[in-house]
Amino acid sequence: MAGLFTSLLFPTQVFTASDNNLICGDENRFSHRKLNSDERDNLCESYSGKVILVVNTASRCAFTGQYEGLANLYSRYRSKGLVVLGFPSNDFGRQEPGDEQSIKNFCELTYNVEFPMYSKTRVKGENADPLYLALTSIAGPPRWNFHKYLIDREGRLVGSYSSFVKPEGRTMIRAIEKLL
C-alpha cells in the first residue's frame, strides 16, 4: 500500500533512449514566444545539442520556491550544456494569474531567474501546447505546477519528475549529470 501511495504522490519515470521518445526531431518544430516579448524561439533549433529541463511554473504555488533551485541548476550546469526552460501556466489552481510583465518581474526580482522563460502556456488537456502534447504523449501530463521533463542532447525524453522532486535534489542532479 505504501508503494502505491508513493508512486502516486512522487511519480518519476525514467526512459531509455529510443526513437519512440524523440521530442526534437526533423518533424518537430516547437515555436514559443519569450516571456513578455515578441521574440520567438524554435526550441529544438535554439537548444539543439543541449540537455533540456522543461518545467511548468507558477508564482503562487506551494512549489514556487523551486524557482531558486532551478536558477541554481541553470547557473551551475549551463556551461556544461544544460538549459532550463520555464513555461508559466495557470492550469493548476489558477496559481499563475498575473500578466507576463508581472511574472517576469517576480521571477527576476524574487528568484534571480536567468534561464529562458516563455509565454503563459497550457500544459494539460486537449488544448495543451504542442510541446506539452508531445511530452505527455510519452510520459503523461503534469499533475501540478513545477513538473519537470528531462530531454537529452539528442532530443529524446529521458525522464519525467513530479513537483515533489526538487531541482537540486539527488534524483534530479544524478539524472542531469548522467546526461552532461
N, C-alpha and C. Protein backbone atom coordinates (compact mmCIF):
# COMPACT_ATOMS: atom_id res chain seq x y z
N MET A 1 0.82 -1.19 0.00
CA MET A 1 0.00 0.00 0.00
C MET A 1 0.86 1.26 0.00
N ALA A 2 1.93 1.27 0.80
CA ALA A 2 2.82 2.44 0.85
C ALA A 2 3.46 2.69 -0.51
N GLY A 3 3.79 1.63 -1.23
CA GLY A 3 4.40 1.77 -2.55
C GLY A 3 3.46 2.43 -3.54
N LEU A 4 2.19 2.07 -3.48
CA LEU A 4 1.19 2.68 -4.36
C LEU A 4 1.04 4.15 -4.05
N PHE A 5 0.93 4.50 -2.77
CA PHE A 5 0.81 5.89 -2.36
C PHE A 5 2.02 6.70 -2.83
N THR A 6 3.22 6.15 -2.62
CA THR A 6 4.44 6.84 -3.02
C THR A 6 4.48 7.05 -4.52
N SER A 7 4.08 6.06 -5.30
CA SER A 7 4.13 6.20 -6.76
C SER A 7 3.13 7.24 -7.26
N LEU A 8 2.00 7.38 -6.57
CA LEU A 8 1.04 8.41 -6.97
C LEU A 8 1.50 9.80 -6.56
N LEU A 9 2.07 9.90 -5.38
CA LEU A 9 2.47 11.19 -4.85
C LEU A 9 3.79 11.69 -5.45
N PHE A 10 4.71 10.77 -5.70
CA PHE A 10 6.04 11.13 -6.17
C PHE A 10 6.39 10.42 -7.47
N PRO A 11 5.55 10.51 -8.50
CA PRO A 11 5.83 9.75 -9.72
C PRO A 11 7.09 10.25 -10.43
N THR A 12 7.97 9.33 -10.71
CA THR A 12 9.15 9.61 -11.51
C THR A 12 9.22 8.53 -12.56
N GLN A 13 9.41 8.92 -13.79
CA GLN A 13 9.56 7.96 -14.86
C GLN A 13 10.89 8.23 -15.54
N VAL A 14 11.64 7.17 -15.77
CA VAL A 14 12.89 7.26 -16.49
C VAL A 14 12.75 6.38 -17.73
N PHE A 15 13.17 6.90 -18.87
CA PHE A 15 13.01 6.20 -20.13
C PHE A 15 14.37 5.88 -20.73
N THR A 16 14.46 4.78 -21.46
CA THR A 16 15.67 4.50 -22.21
C THR A 16 15.58 5.25 -23.53
N ALA A 17 16.71 5.63 -24.07
CA ALA A 17 16.73 6.38 -25.32
C ALA A 17 16.21 5.50 -26.46
N SER A 18 15.20 5.97 -27.14
CA SER A 18 14.67 5.28 -28.31
C SER A 18 13.97 6.30 -29.19
N ASP A 19 13.72 5.91 -30.43
CA ASP A 19 13.03 6.82 -31.34
C ASP A 19 11.60 7.10 -30.88
N ASN A 20 11.04 6.24 -30.04
CA ASN A 20 9.70 6.46 -29.52
C ASN A 20 9.65 7.63 -28.56
N ASN A 21 10.79 8.05 -28.03
CA ASN A 21 10.84 9.13 -27.06
C ASN A 21 11.33 10.44 -27.68
N LEU A 22 11.46 10.47 -28.99
CA LEU A 22 12.02 11.64 -29.66
C LEU A 22 11.05 12.83 -29.59
N ILE A 23 11.52 13.90 -28.97
CA ILE A 23 10.74 15.13 -28.87
C ILE A 23 11.23 16.11 -29.94
N CYS A 24 12.52 16.29 -30.03
CA CYS A 24 13.11 17.22 -31.01
C CYS A 24 13.72 16.43 -32.15
N GLY A 25 12.94 16.25 -33.19
CA GLY A 25 13.40 15.57 -34.39
C GLY A 25 13.14 16.43 -35.60
N ASP A 26 13.34 15.87 -36.76
CA ASP A 26 13.16 16.62 -38.01
C ASP A 26 11.74 17.15 -38.18
N GLU A 27 10.76 16.43 -37.65
CA GLU A 27 9.37 16.82 -37.85
C GLU A 27 8.85 17.79 -36.79
N ASN A 28 9.51 17.87 -35.67
CA ASN A 28 9.01 18.69 -34.56
C ASN A 28 9.67 20.06 -34.53
N ARG A 29 8.86 21.07 -34.60
CA ARG A 29 9.31 22.45 -34.53
C ARG A 29 8.42 23.16 -33.52
N PHE A 30 8.92 23.32 -32.34
CA PHE A 30 8.13 23.95 -31.29
C PHE A 30 8.55 25.40 -31.16
N SER A 31 7.71 26.28 -31.67
CA SER A 31 7.99 27.71 -31.64
C SER A 31 7.26 28.32 -30.45
N HIS A 32 8.02 29.07 -29.64
CA HIS A 32 7.44 29.70 -28.46
C HIS A 32 7.91 31.14 -28.36
N ARG A 33 7.00 31.98 -27.90
CA ARG A 33 7.32 33.38 -27.68
C ARG A 33 7.93 33.52 -26.30
N LYS A 34 9.02 34.28 -26.23
CA LYS A 34 9.67 34.54 -24.95
C LYS A 34 8.74 35.36 -24.07
N LEU A 35 8.89 35.17 -22.77
CA LEU A 35 8.04 35.85 -21.80
C LEU A 35 8.14 37.37 -21.95
N ASN A 36 6.98 37.99 -22.07
CA ASN A 36 6.88 39.45 -22.17
C ASN A 36 7.71 40.02 -23.33
N SER A 37 7.66 39.36 -24.46
CA SER A 37 8.45 39.75 -25.62
C SER A 37 7.72 39.32 -26.89
N ASP A 38 8.11 39.92 -28.01
CA ASP A 38 7.60 39.47 -29.30
C ASP A 38 8.55 38.46 -29.94
N GLU A 39 9.73 38.29 -29.35
CA GLU A 39 10.75 37.38 -29.89
C GLU A 39 10.31 35.93 -29.71
N ARG A 40 10.52 35.13 -30.76
CA ARG A 40 10.15 33.71 -30.73
C ARG A 40 11.39 32.85 -30.88
N ASP A 41 11.32 31.67 -30.28
CA ASP A 41 12.37 30.66 -30.40
C ASP A 41 11.77 29.39 -30.95
N ASN A 42 12.50 28.75 -31.85
CA ASN A 42 12.21 27.36 -32.18
C ASN A 42 13.03 26.57 -31.18
N LEU A 43 12.38 25.97 -30.21
CA LEU A 43 13.06 25.36 -29.08
C LEU A 43 14.05 24.27 -29.51
N CYS A 44 13.66 23.43 -30.45
CA CYS A 44 14.54 22.34 -30.86
C CYS A 44 15.78 22.86 -31.59
N GLU A 45 15.63 23.94 -32.33
CA GLU A 45 16.79 24.54 -33.00
C GLU A 45 17.64 25.34 -32.01
N SER A 46 17.00 26.16 -31.22
CA SER A 46 17.72 27.03 -30.29
C SER A 46 18.54 26.25 -29.28
N TYR A 47 18.05 25.08 -28.87
CA TYR A 47 18.71 24.32 -27.81
C TYR A 47 19.21 22.97 -28.30
N SER A 48 19.44 22.87 -29.60
CA SER A 48 19.97 21.64 -30.18
C SER A 48 21.31 21.29 -29.53
N GLY A 49 21.47 20.02 -29.17
CA GLY A 49 22.71 19.58 -28.55
C GLY A 49 22.82 19.85 -27.07
N LYS A 50 21.78 20.45 -26.48
CA LYS A 50 21.76 20.75 -25.05
C LYS A 50 20.90 19.72 -24.31
N VAL A 51 21.16 19.58 -23.03
CA VAL A 51 20.26 18.85 -22.15
C VAL A 51 19.21 19.87 -21.71
N ILE A 52 17.94 19.53 -21.88
CA ILE A 52 16.85 20.47 -21.65
C ILE A 52 15.98 19.99 -20.49
N LEU A 53 15.75 20.87 -19.54
CA LEU A 53 14.82 20.60 -18.45
C LEU A 53 13.62 21.53 -18.66
N VAL A 54 12.47 20.96 -18.99
CA VAL A 54 11.24 21.70 -19.24
C VAL A 54 10.40 21.68 -17.96
N VAL A 55 9.97 22.87 -17.51
CA VAL A 55 9.23 22.97 -16.25
C VAL A 55 8.04 23.90 -16.41
N ASN A 56 6.85 23.44 -16.00
CA ASN A 56 5.70 24.34 -15.95
C ASN A 56 5.71 25.01 -14.58
N THR A 57 5.64 26.32 -14.58
CA THR A 57 5.85 27.10 -13.36
C THR A 57 4.60 27.88 -12.96
N ALA A 58 4.60 28.36 -11.73
CA ALA A 58 3.53 29.21 -11.23
C ALA A 58 4.07 30.04 -10.07
N SER A 59 3.63 31.27 -9.98
CA SER A 59 4.15 32.21 -8.98
C SER A 59 3.46 32.13 -7.63
N ARG A 60 2.31 31.48 -7.57
CA ARG A 60 1.54 31.43 -6.32
C ARG A 60 1.23 29.99 -5.92
N CYS A 61 2.26 29.21 -5.81
CA CYS A 61 2.12 27.78 -5.58
C CYS A 61 3.01 27.38 -4.41
N ALA A 62 2.66 26.32 -3.74
CA ALA A 62 3.49 25.82 -2.64
C ALA A 62 4.89 25.43 -3.15
N PHE A 63 5.02 25.15 -4.43
CA PHE A 63 6.31 24.76 -5.02
C PHE A 63 7.06 25.93 -5.63
N THR A 64 6.54 27.14 -5.54
CA THR A 64 7.16 28.30 -6.17
C THR A 64 8.61 28.49 -5.76
N GLY A 65 8.95 28.11 -4.55
CA GLY A 65 10.33 28.20 -4.09
C GLY A 65 11.31 27.40 -4.94
N GLN A 66 10.79 26.48 -5.77
CA GLN A 66 11.66 25.71 -6.66
C GLN A 66 12.30 26.59 -7.73
N TYR A 67 11.77 27.79 -7.94
CA TYR A 67 12.45 28.71 -8.86
C TYR A 67 13.91 28.88 -8.45
N GLU A 68 14.15 28.98 -7.15
CA GLU A 68 15.52 29.15 -6.66
C GLU A 68 16.40 27.97 -7.05
N GLY A 69 15.90 26.76 -6.86
CA GLY A 69 16.65 25.57 -7.23
C GLY A 69 16.87 25.47 -8.73
N LEU A 70 15.88 25.84 -9.51
CA LEU A 70 16.02 25.83 -10.97
C LEU A 70 17.06 26.86 -11.41
N ALA A 71 17.02 28.05 -10.81
CA ALA A 71 18.01 29.08 -11.14
C ALA A 71 19.41 28.61 -10.77
N ASN A 72 19.54 27.94 -9.63
CA ASN A 72 20.85 27.42 -9.22
C ASN A 72 21.33 26.32 -10.15
N LEU A 73 20.43 25.42 -10.55
CA LEU A 73 20.79 24.37 -11.51
C LEU A 73 21.32 24.98 -12.80
N TYR A 74 20.59 25.94 -13.30
CA TYR A 74 20.97 26.59 -14.55
C TYR A 74 22.34 27.26 -14.42
N SER A 75 22.53 27.96 -13.35
CA SER A 75 23.81 28.64 -13.12
C SER A 75 24.95 27.63 -13.00
N ARG A 76 24.72 26.54 -12.30
CA ARG A 76 25.75 25.54 -12.05
C ARG A 76 26.13 24.73 -13.29
N TYR A 77 25.14 24.40 -14.13
CA TYR A 77 25.38 23.46 -15.23
C TYR A 77 25.25 24.06 -16.63
N ARG A 78 24.93 25.31 -16.76
CA ARG A 78 24.70 25.86 -18.10
C ARG A 78 25.97 25.80 -18.95
N SER A 79 27.13 25.99 -18.37
CA SER A 79 28.38 25.94 -19.14
C SER A 79 28.70 24.51 -19.61
N LYS A 80 28.05 23.52 -19.00
CA LYS A 80 28.25 22.13 -19.38
C LYS A 80 27.19 21.65 -20.37
N GLY A 81 26.20 22.52 -20.66
CA GLY A 81 25.22 22.18 -21.68
C GLY A 81 23.80 22.00 -21.21
N LEU A 82 23.47 22.41 -19.98
CA LEU A 82 22.09 22.33 -19.51
C LEU A 82 21.38 23.64 -19.77
N VAL A 83 20.13 23.53 -20.19
CA VAL A 83 19.26 24.70 -20.25
C VAL A 83 17.95 24.33 -19.55
N VAL A 84 17.48 25.24 -18.72
CA VAL A 84 16.19 25.11 -18.05
C VAL A 84 15.23 26.01 -18.81
N LEU A 85 14.07 25.48 -19.17
CA LEU A 85 13.05 26.26 -19.87
C LEU A 85 11.81 26.32 -19.01
N GLY A 86 11.40 27.53 -18.64
CA GLY A 86 10.22 27.73 -17.81
C GLY A 86 9.01 28.13 -18.62
N PHE A 87 7.89 27.50 -18.33
CA PHE A 87 6.62 27.77 -19.01
C PHE A 87 5.55 28.08 -17.95
N PRO A 88 5.35 29.37 -17.65
CA PRO A 88 4.30 29.71 -16.69
C PRO A 88 2.96 29.18 -17.16
N SER A 89 2.21 28.63 -16.22
CA SER A 89 0.91 28.06 -16.57
C SER A 89 -0.08 28.34 -15.46
N ASN A 90 -1.30 28.62 -15.86
CA ASN A 90 -2.39 28.87 -14.92
C ASN A 90 -3.32 27.66 -14.85
N ASP A 91 -2.86 26.51 -15.32
CA ASP A 91 -3.70 25.33 -15.43
C ASP A 91 -4.04 24.66 -14.11
N PHE A 92 -3.21 24.86 -13.08
CA PHE A 92 -3.42 24.17 -11.82
C PHE A 92 -3.73 25.17 -10.72
N GLY A 93 -4.94 25.15 -10.25
CA GLY A 93 -5.35 26.00 -9.14
C GLY A 93 -5.29 27.49 -9.43
N ARG A 94 -5.21 27.85 -10.70
CA ARG A 94 -5.13 29.27 -11.09
C ARG A 94 -4.04 29.99 -10.30
N GLN A 95 -2.88 29.34 -10.22
CA GLN A 95 -1.78 29.85 -9.41
C GLN A 95 -0.78 30.68 -10.20
N GLU A 96 -1.13 31.00 -11.44
CA GLU A 96 -0.32 31.93 -12.24
C GLU A 96 -1.27 32.91 -12.92
N PRO A 97 -1.95 33.76 -12.12
CA PRO A 97 -2.97 34.64 -12.69
C PRO A 97 -2.43 35.92 -13.31
N GLY A 98 -1.18 36.26 -13.03
CA GLY A 98 -0.64 37.54 -13.47
C GLY A 98 -0.40 37.64 -14.96
N ASP A 99 -0.17 38.88 -15.40
CA ASP A 99 0.21 39.08 -16.80
C ASP A 99 1.70 38.78 -16.94
N GLU A 100 2.18 38.77 -18.16
CA GLU A 100 3.56 38.36 -18.41
C GLU A 100 4.58 39.30 -17.80
N GLN A 101 4.30 40.59 -17.76
CA GLN A 101 5.24 41.53 -17.15
C GLN A 101 5.38 41.25 -15.66
N SER A 102 4.26 41.00 -14.98
CA SER A 102 4.33 40.72 -13.54
C SER A 102 5.03 39.39 -13.27
N ILE A 103 4.82 38.40 -14.12
CA ILE A 103 5.51 37.11 -13.97
C ILE A 103 7.01 37.30 -14.15
N LYS A 104 7.39 38.03 -15.18
CA LYS A 104 8.82 38.26 -15.44
C LYS A 104 9.46 39.01 -14.27
N ASN A 105 8.81 40.06 -13.80
CA ASN A 105 9.34 40.83 -12.67
C ASN A 105 9.49 39.94 -11.43
N PHE A 106 8.47 39.16 -11.14
CA PHE A 106 8.50 38.28 -9.98
C PHE A 106 9.68 37.30 -10.07
N CYS A 107 9.83 36.66 -11.22
CA CYS A 107 10.90 35.66 -11.38
C CYS A 107 12.29 36.29 -11.26
N GLU A 108 12.48 37.42 -11.91
CA GLU A 108 13.79 38.07 -11.90
C GLU A 108 14.11 38.70 -10.55
N LEU A 109 13.15 39.39 -9.96
CA LEU A 109 13.42 40.12 -8.73
C LEU A 109 13.41 39.23 -7.49
N THR A 110 12.55 38.22 -7.47
CA THR A 110 12.43 37.38 -6.29
C THR A 110 13.43 36.22 -6.31
N TYR A 111 13.66 35.64 -7.49
CA TYR A 111 14.49 34.43 -7.56
C TYR A 111 15.70 34.56 -8.48
N ASN A 112 15.93 35.75 -9.01
CA ASN A 112 17.07 35.97 -9.89
C ASN A 112 17.11 34.97 -11.05
N VAL A 113 15.94 34.71 -11.62
CA VAL A 113 15.83 33.75 -12.72
C VAL A 113 16.50 34.33 -13.96
N GLU A 114 17.44 33.59 -14.50
CA GLU A 114 18.12 33.97 -15.74
C GLU A 114 17.87 32.95 -16.84
N PHE A 115 17.31 31.81 -16.49
CA PHE A 115 17.04 30.81 -17.53
C PHE A 115 15.88 31.28 -18.40
N PRO A 116 15.79 30.78 -19.63
CA PRO A 116 14.72 31.23 -20.54
C PRO A 116 13.33 30.91 -20.01
N MET A 117 12.49 31.92 -20.05
CA MET A 117 11.09 31.77 -19.68
C MET A 117 10.26 32.13 -20.91
N TYR A 118 9.15 31.43 -21.06
CA TYR A 118 8.31 31.62 -22.24
C TYR A 118 6.91 32.07 -21.82
N SER A 119 6.11 32.44 -22.80
CA SER A 119 4.77 32.96 -22.56
C SER A 119 3.92 31.94 -21.79
N LYS A 120 2.85 32.45 -21.16
CA LYS A 120 1.95 31.56 -20.44
C LYS A 120 1.48 30.46 -21.38
N THR A 121 1.46 29.25 -20.85
CA THR A 121 1.28 28.07 -21.68
C THR A 121 0.26 27.12 -21.07
N ARG A 122 -0.59 26.57 -21.91
CA ARG A 122 -1.49 25.49 -21.48
C ARG A 122 -0.66 24.20 -21.49
N VAL A 123 -0.67 23.47 -20.38
CA VAL A 123 0.17 22.29 -20.28
C VAL A 123 -0.61 20.99 -20.14
N LYS A 124 -1.93 21.08 -20.06
CA LYS A 124 -2.74 19.87 -19.93
C LYS A 124 -4.01 20.00 -20.75
N GLY A 125 -4.59 18.86 -21.04
CA GLY A 125 -5.86 18.82 -21.77
C GLY A 125 -5.67 18.85 -23.27
N GLU A 126 -6.78 18.80 -23.96
CA GLU A 126 -6.73 18.74 -25.42
C GLU A 126 -6.24 20.03 -26.06
N ASN A 127 -6.33 21.14 -25.34
CA ASN A 127 -5.84 22.43 -25.85
C ASN A 127 -4.43 22.75 -25.38
N ALA A 128 -3.72 21.74 -24.88
CA ALA A 128 -2.35 21.96 -24.41
C ALA A 128 -1.46 22.37 -25.58
N ASP A 129 -0.42 23.07 -25.25
CA ASP A 129 0.60 23.48 -26.21
C ASP A 129 1.19 22.25 -26.91
N PRO A 130 1.57 22.34 -28.18
CA PRO A 130 2.13 21.19 -28.90
C PRO A 130 3.34 20.55 -28.22
N LEU A 131 4.21 21.35 -27.60
CA LEU A 131 5.34 20.77 -26.88
C LEU A 131 4.84 19.87 -25.76
N TYR A 132 3.88 20.38 -25.00
CA TYR A 132 3.35 19.58 -23.90
C TYR A 132 2.54 18.39 -24.38
N LEU A 133 1.88 18.50 -25.51
CA LEU A 133 1.19 17.34 -26.09
C LEU A 133 2.20 16.25 -26.44
N ALA A 134 3.34 16.65 -26.99
CA ALA A 134 4.39 15.68 -27.33
C ALA A 134 4.96 15.03 -26.06
N LEU A 135 5.26 15.84 -25.06
CA LEU A 135 5.79 15.31 -23.80
C LEU A 135 4.80 14.37 -23.13
N THR A 136 3.54 14.79 -23.07
CA THR A 136 2.55 13.99 -22.36
C THR A 136 2.16 12.73 -23.14
N SER A 137 2.35 12.73 -24.44
CA SER A 137 2.05 11.51 -25.20
C SER A 137 3.01 10.38 -24.81
N ILE A 138 4.17 10.74 -24.31
CA ILE A 138 5.16 9.74 -23.88
C ILE A 138 5.08 9.50 -22.38
N ALA A 139 5.03 10.57 -21.59
CA ALA A 139 5.19 10.44 -20.14
C ALA A 139 3.93 10.73 -19.34
N GLY A 140 2.88 11.17 -19.99
CA GLY A 140 1.68 11.56 -19.25
C GLY A 140 1.76 13.03 -18.88
N PRO A 141 0.62 13.62 -18.56
CA PRO A 141 0.57 15.06 -18.28
C PRO A 141 1.15 15.39 -16.91
N PRO A 142 1.56 16.64 -16.73
CA PRO A 142 1.96 17.06 -15.40
C PRO A 142 0.75 17.00 -14.48
N ARG A 143 1.00 16.65 -13.22
CA ARG A 143 -0.11 16.59 -12.26
C ARG A 143 -0.26 17.88 -11.49
N TRP A 144 0.78 18.74 -11.55
CA TRP A 144 0.71 20.02 -10.85
C TRP A 144 1.81 20.91 -11.38
N ASN A 145 1.91 22.10 -10.82
CA ASN A 145 2.96 23.05 -11.17
C ASN A 145 4.33 22.48 -10.79
N PHE A 146 5.35 22.89 -11.52
CA PHE A 146 6.75 22.51 -11.30
C PHE A 146 7.00 21.03 -11.57
N HIS A 147 6.24 20.48 -12.52
CA HIS A 147 6.55 19.15 -13.05
C HIS A 147 7.72 19.33 -14.01
N LYS A 148 8.63 18.36 -14.04
CA LYS A 148 9.85 18.51 -14.83
C LYS A 148 9.97 17.38 -15.85
N TYR A 149 10.30 17.75 -17.08
CA TYR A 149 10.60 16.79 -18.14
C TYR A 149 12.05 17.00 -18.56
N LEU A 150 12.82 15.91 -18.64
CA LEU A 150 14.23 15.99 -18.98
C LEU A 150 14.46 15.39 -20.36
N ILE A 151 15.09 16.18 -21.23
CA ILE A 151 15.36 15.80 -22.62
C ILE A 151 16.87 15.75 -22.82
N ASP A 152 17.35 14.66 -23.44
CA ASP A 152 18.80 14.51 -23.63
C ASP A 152 19.29 15.33 -24.83
N ARG A 153 20.59 15.29 -25.06
CA ARG A 153 21.21 16.09 -26.12
C ARG A 153 20.73 15.69 -27.52
N GLU A 154 20.20 14.49 -27.67
CA GLU A 154 19.69 14.04 -28.97
C GLU A 154 18.21 14.36 -29.16
N GLY A 155 17.61 15.02 -28.18
CA GLY A 155 16.22 15.43 -28.30
C GLY A 155 15.22 14.39 -27.83
N ARG A 156 15.68 13.40 -27.04
CA ARG A 156 14.80 12.35 -26.56
C ARG A 156 14.39 12.61 -25.11
N LEU A 157 13.13 12.39 -24.82
CA LEU A 157 12.65 12.49 -23.45
C LEU A 157 13.22 11.31 -22.67
N VAL A 158 13.94 11.60 -21.59
CA VAL A 158 14.56 10.55 -20.79
C VAL A 158 14.03 10.50 -19.36
N GLY A 159 13.25 11.50 -18.95
CA GLY A 159 12.73 11.48 -17.60
C GLY A 159 11.58 12.44 -17.41
N SER A 160 10.71 12.07 -16.47
CA SER A 160 9.56 12.88 -16.08
C SER A 160 9.51 12.85 -14.56
N TYR A 161 9.48 14.02 -13.93
CA TYR A 161 9.63 14.13 -12.48
C TYR A 161 8.53 15.00 -11.89
N SER A 162 7.91 14.50 -10.85
CA SER A 162 6.81 15.23 -10.22
C SER A 162 7.30 16.51 -9.54
N SER A 163 6.35 17.29 -9.14
CA SER A 163 6.63 18.53 -8.42
C SER A 163 7.40 18.28 -7.13
N PHE A 164 7.26 17.10 -6.57
CA PHE A 164 7.92 16.77 -5.32
C PHE A 164 9.41 16.49 -5.48
N VAL A 165 9.86 16.29 -6.71
CA VAL A 165 11.28 16.09 -6.97
C VAL A 165 11.92 17.47 -7.05
N LYS A 166 12.79 17.75 -6.09
CA LYS A 166 13.40 19.08 -6.00
C LYS A 166 14.47 19.25 -7.08
N PRO A 167 14.55 20.44 -7.67
CA PRO A 167 15.55 20.68 -8.72
C PRO A 167 16.98 20.36 -8.30
N GLU A 168 17.32 20.65 -7.05
CA GLU A 168 18.68 20.39 -6.59
C GLU A 168 18.78 19.12 -5.74
N GLY A 169 17.75 18.29 -5.79
CA GLY A 169 17.76 17.03 -5.06
C GLY A 169 18.61 15.99 -5.77
N ARG A 170 18.93 14.95 -5.06
CA ARG A 170 19.82 13.89 -5.58
C ARG A 170 19.28 13.27 -6.87
N THR A 171 17.99 13.00 -6.92
CA THR A 171 17.40 12.37 -8.11
C THR A 171 17.63 13.22 -9.36
N MET A 172 17.35 14.50 -9.26
CA MET A 172 17.49 15.39 -10.42
C MET A 172 18.96 15.59 -10.78
N ILE A 173 19.81 15.82 -9.79
CA ILE A 173 21.23 16.05 -10.05
C ILE A 173 21.85 14.84 -10.74
N ARG A 174 21.55 13.65 -10.24
CA ARG A 174 22.10 12.42 -10.87
C ARG A 174 21.66 12.30 -12.31
N ALA A 175 20.38 12.54 -12.57
CA ALA A 175 19.86 12.41 -13.93
C ALA A 175 20.52 13.42 -14.86
N ILE A 176 20.69 14.65 -14.40
CA ILE A 176 21.29 15.69 -15.24
C ILE A 176 22.77 15.40 -15.47
N GLU A 177 23.50 15.08 -14.41
CA GLU A 177 24.94 14.83 -14.55
C GLU A 177 25.21 13.63 -15.46
N LYS A 178 24.34 12.65 -15.44
CA LYS A 178 24.49 11.50 -16.33
C LYS A 178 24.44 11.91 -17.80
N LEU A 179 23.64 12.93 -18.10
CA LEU A 179 23.47 13.37 -19.48
C LEU A 179 24.53 14.38 -19.92
N LEU A 180 25.15 15.05 -18.97
CA LEU A 180 26.16 16.06 -19.30
C LEU A 180 27.49 15.38 -19.51
